[in-house]
Every structure is written in structure tokens, then in C-alpha cells.
């Protein structure tokens, strides 16, 4: 069976999906991954996923939500964890001027401010929030913002659709697990090369 060659945008978004699988958010719908590439998209500069700050326990998010039930449903600005975009930006070890970001949900407004100040020039995302303030802020600041829901070509002849825990429509089910293993091995190699593991 022949599959068309995927674009760099699709491959980087799939990599962001893979990183999202490491997220420690207690909400399954908010396991978000992020990848930052150079402007030509031929080199990954950084990656991130949402979770607690260094030295905090992995279940910090869940415990915080239990301790603050009155704040539930207040939106992402009340999230106790560091968002994937911020983790990716702070993890970068070089300038992000003119770079591109791939994230598995649209950035919230506080993250959009940080993205703008980092020098990133393009943001690609999948999924939707009911609040589009972050996306509108990026657009107003002159960033290139693109969602596959709007105009990306299909991946492998199917709609590009991601849900938490990697369910990619268009990639045959028998290939999804091996593809995920390949991405994880590439991520491990990247971490070892950057001395992050």
C-alpha cells in the first residue's frame, strides 16, 4: 500500500502528539505536547509537555485540584501546572527568533504572550478551546497561525485528527504502535544528545 510522503508540518505535529503522551495533567483532554523547530523545519530546537515544575511530585496537578475544588471549571488560567509551550520555550538552549511551534491544542492567552516575546514567528495547532483569546492575540501580533482543522491537507488520505493518548486517523492501526515506538526512540536519542536524560 502506498502512502504519500507526509509534510514536515505533519511530522512535527505527530512528534508533539508523542510528547503530549508524557504530560502529567490530571485531565485526559489536556495532555498537551509541543515541539519547536527552526524556521526551515529541518531541526528540532526544543519540546515540552504540560506538568508540574521541577521537584514537584508527578501528581501535583491532581492534588491541587482536590485541594481547590472551588476553582474547578475556571479555565486554563487557573491550571496549576506549566503549559507545554512554556516548558518548550524555557527548555530551548538557543534563540527562538523566527522559529515555528507545533502544539496539540491552541495556546491560551498567557502562553500566547510568552510565545510572542520569544520571537517565534509561526504556531501550528490542532484541536479547539472554547476561548480563542490566545489565538487572536497571536494573530494580532502578526504571527503566522495555522490549524489543520482549517486548511491542512490530509495525512495519508484521512483527516488529520488527534485525541489524547495518540489516536491518529489515517495511519493504519497496525502501524500506529510501531510509529509511536519509533518516535519514542527518536525522543530518547534527542534527550541523550542534549544531556537531558
Protein backbone atom coordinates (compact mmCIF):
# COMPACT_ATOMS: atom_id res chain seq x y z
CA UNK A 1 0.00 0.00 0.00
CA UNK A 2 1.36 3.42 -0.97
CA UNK A 3 1.16 6.35 1.43
CA UNK A 4 2.05 9.86 0.27
CA UNK A 5 5.11 11.41 1.83
CA UNK A 6 3.98 13.42 4.89
CA UNK A 7 4.93 17.07 5.16
CA UNK A 8 7.34 18.37 7.78
CA UNK A 9 4.40 20.11 9.44
CA UNK A 10 2.60 16.80 9.90
CA UNK A 11 5.70 15.01 11.20
CA UNK A 12 6.40 17.74 13.75
CA UNK A 13 2.76 17.73 14.85
CA UNK A 14 2.92 13.95 15.30
CA UNK A 15 6.06 14.44 17.39
CA UNK A 16 4.20 16.99 19.52
CA UNK A 17 1.43 14.40 19.98
CA UNK A 18 4.03 11.89 21.15
CA UNK A 19 5.43 14.36 23.70
CA UNK A 20 1.88 15.05 24.89
CA UNK A 21 1.71 11.43 25.99
CA UNK A 22 4.22 12.31 28.74
CA UNK A 23 2.05 15.14 30.12
CA UNK A 24 1.14 14.89 33.78
CA UNK A 25 -2.13 16.82 33.65
CA UNK A 26 -4.91 15.12 35.60
CA UNK A 27 -7.39 15.89 32.80
CA UNK A 28 -7.13 13.41 29.90
CA UNK A 29 -8.27 16.13 27.48
CA UNK A 30 -5.39 18.42 28.48
CA UNK A 31 -2.36 16.22 27.85
CA UNK A 32 -0.63 18.70 25.59
CA UNK A 33 2.65 18.34 23.69
CA UNK A 34 4.74 20.97 21.93
CA UNK A 35 7.69 20.97 19.51
CA UNK A 36 9.72 24.00 18.40
CA UNK A 37 11.69 23.80 15.16
CA UNK A 38 13.93 26.20 13.31
CA UNK A 39 12.37 28.30 10.56
CA UNK A 40 13.05 25.72 7.85
CA UNK A 41 11.53 22.96 9.98
CA UNK A 42 14.59 20.76 9.39
CA UNK A 43 15.78 20.74 13.01
CA UNK A 44 14.00 20.37 16.35
CA UNK A 45 15.15 23.03 18.80
CA UNK A 46 13.04 22.06 21.82
CA UNK A 47 9.98 20.20 23.05
CA UNK A 48 7.64 20.35 26.00
CA UNK A 49 4.56 18.91 27.66
CA UNK A 50 2.38 20.19 30.47
CA UNK A 51 3.07 19.21 34.04
CA UNK A 52 4.31 20.45 37.41
CA UNK A 53 7.52 22.40 37.88
CA UNK A 54 10.79 20.65 38.70
CA UNK A 55 10.98 18.91 42.07
CA UNK A 56 7.20 18.80 42.50
CA UNK A 57 5.53 15.38 42.67
CA UNK A 58 4.04 13.95 39.44
CA UNK A 59 0.53 14.02 40.97
CA UNK A 60 0.80 17.72 41.92
CA UNK A 61 -1.92 18.74 39.43
CA UNK A 62 -4.44 16.18 40.72
CA UNK A 63 -3.72 17.04 44.38
CA UNK A 64 -4.00 20.78 43.70
CA UNK A 65 -7.40 20.27 42.08
CA UNK A 66 -8.57 18.19 45.07
CA UNK A 67 -7.41 20.93 47.45
CA UNK A 68 -9.09 23.71 45.41
CA UNK A 69 -12.48 22.40 44.21
CA UNK A 70 -13.88 25.93 44.20
CA UNK A 71 -11.56 26.77 41.29
CA UNK A 72 -12.71 23.95 39.02
CA UNK A 73 -14.12 24.96 35.67
CA UNK A 74 -12.29 28.27 35.77
CA UNK A 75 -10.38 27.73 32.55
CA UNK A 76 -6.74 27.18 31.76
CA UNK A 77 -5.55 30.34 33.53
CA UNK A 78 -6.20 28.53 36.82
CA UNK A 79 -4.16 25.50 35.82
CA UNK A 80 -1.52 24.76 38.48
CA UNK A 81 0.99 23.30 36.01
CA UNK A 82 3.41 24.68 33.47
CA UNK A 83 1.92 24.53 29.97
CA UNK A 84 3.71 22.67 27.19
CA UNK A 85 4.52 25.85 25.27
CA UNK A 86 6.26 27.43 28.26
CA UNK A 87 8.17 24.22 29.01
CA UNK A 88 9.37 24.08 25.39
CA UNK A 89 10.41 27.74 25.38
CA UNK A 90 12.28 27.55 28.70
CA UNK A 91 13.98 24.30 27.69
CA UNK A 92 15.40 25.82 24.47
CA UNK A 93 19.14 26.42 24.57
CA UNK A 94 19.28 28.87 21.68
CA UNK A 95 17.41 31.84 20.28
CA UNK A 96 13.87 31.12 19.11
CA UNK A 97 13.85 34.07 16.70
CA UNK A 98 11.87 33.12 13.56
CA UNK A 99 11.21 29.56 14.83
CA UNK A 100 8.00 27.54 14.44
CA UNK A 101 5.92 25.95 17.19
CA UNK A 102 3.70 22.86 16.90
CA UNK A 103 1.26 22.34 19.76
CA UNK A 104 -1.57 19.86 20.25
CA UNK A 105 -4.07 22.48 21.49
CA UNK A 106 -4.38 26.20 20.73
CA UNK A 107 -2.29 28.30 23.11
CA UNK A 108 -4.07 30.05 25.97
CA UNK A 109 -3.70 33.82 26.32
CA UNK A 110 -0.86 33.77 28.92
CA UNK A 111 1.11 31.31 26.75
CA UNK A 112 0.44 33.45 23.66
CA UNK A 113 2.13 36.44 25.36
CA UNK A 114 5.21 34.31 26.09
CA UNK A 115 5.27 32.89 22.55
CA UNK A 116 5.16 36.40 21.08
CA UNK A 117 8.01 37.62 23.30
CA UNK A 118 10.14 34.54 22.50
CA UNK A 119 10.47 35.54 18.84
CA UNK A 120 8.61 32.51 17.43
CA UNK A 121 7.02 33.53 14.12
CA UNK A 122 4.61 30.65 13.37
CA UNK A 123 2.31 28.50 15.52
CA UNK A 124 0.60 25.34 14.25
CA UNK A 125 -2.05 23.67 16.39
CA UNK A 126 -4.79 21.07 16.37
CA UNK A 127 -7.95 20.95 18.45
CA UNK A 128 -10.07 23.75 19.83
CA UNK A 129 -10.72 25.64 23.04
CA UNK A 130 -13.97 27.47 23.55
CA UNK A 131 -11.81 30.53 24.29
CA UNK A 132 -9.82 31.76 21.28
CA UNK A 133 -8.17 34.71 23.05
CA UNK A 134 -4.69 33.18 22.73
CA UNK A 135 -5.04 32.52 19.01
CA UNK A 136 -6.48 36.00 18.44
CA UNK A 137 -3.57 37.55 20.34
CA UNK A 138 -1.05 35.66 18.17
CA UNK A 139 -2.81 36.83 15.02
CA UNK A 140 -2.96 40.43 16.25
CA UNK A 141 0.79 40.32 16.93
CA UNK A 142 1.42 39.27 13.32
CA UNK A 143 2.34 35.63 13.86
CA UNK A 144 1.50 33.04 11.25
CA UNK A 145 -1.11 30.78 12.86
CA UNK A 146 -2.33 27.62 11.18
CA UNK A 147 -4.71 24.86 12.22
CA UNK A 148 -5.13 21.66 10.23
CA UNK A 149 -8.82 21.88 11.01
CA UNK A 150 -8.93 24.90 8.70
CA UNK A 151 -6.71 24.14 5.75
CA UNK A 152 -4.07 21.45 6.21
CA UNK A 153 -4.01 18.67 3.64
CA UNK A 154 -4.99 15.23 4.87
CA UNK A 155 -2.41 12.89 6.26
CA UNK A 156 -2.26 9.55 4.46
CA UNK A 157 -5.57 10.30 2.75
CA UNK A 158 -7.52 10.73 6.00
CA UNK A 159 -8.38 13.69 8.16
CA UNK A 160 -5.60 14.81 10.48
CA UNK A 161 -7.15 14.31 13.88
CA UNK A 162 -5.52 13.75 17.23
CA UNK A 163 -7.05 12.86 20.54
CA UNK A 164 -5.22 12.37 23.83
CA UNK A 165 -3.08 9.26 24.05
CA UNK A 166 -2.32 9.15 20.32
CA UNK A 167 -5.19 8.13 18.12
CA UNK A 168 -4.23 9.26 14.65
CA UNK A 169 -6.84 8.83 11.97
CA UNK A 170 -5.30 7.97 8.63
CA UNK A 171 -2.39 5.88 9.90
CA UNK A 172 -3.37 2.23 9.73
CA UNK A 173 -3.90 0.82 13.26
CA UNK A 174 -1.28 -1.88 12.73
CA UNK A 175 1.34 0.85 12.13
CA UNK A 176 0.43 3.19 14.99
CA UNK A 177 2.24 1.26 17.71
CA UNK A 178 5.47 0.86 15.71
CA UNK A 179 5.31 4.54 14.71
CA UNK A 180 4.92 5.52 18.37
CA UNK A 181 7.89 3.33 19.34
CA UNK A 182 9.96 4.97 16.62
CA UNK A 183 9.03 8.45 17.89
CA UNK A 184 9.88 7.45 21.46
CA UNK A 185 13.30 6.12 20.40
CA UNK A 186 13.97 9.36 18.48
CA UNK A 187 12.92 11.38 21.53
CA UNK A 188 15.26 9.34 23.78
CA UNK A 189 18.13 9.93 21.35
CA UNK A 190 17.35 13.66 21.31
CA UNK A 191 17.32 13.81 25.12
CA UNK A 192 20.61 11.90 25.41
CA UNK A 193 22.22 14.16 22.82
CA UNK A 194 21.09 17.23 24.78
CA UNK A 195 22.14 15.58 28.08
CA UNK A 196 18.58 15.93 29.40
CA UNK A 197 18.26 12.30 30.43
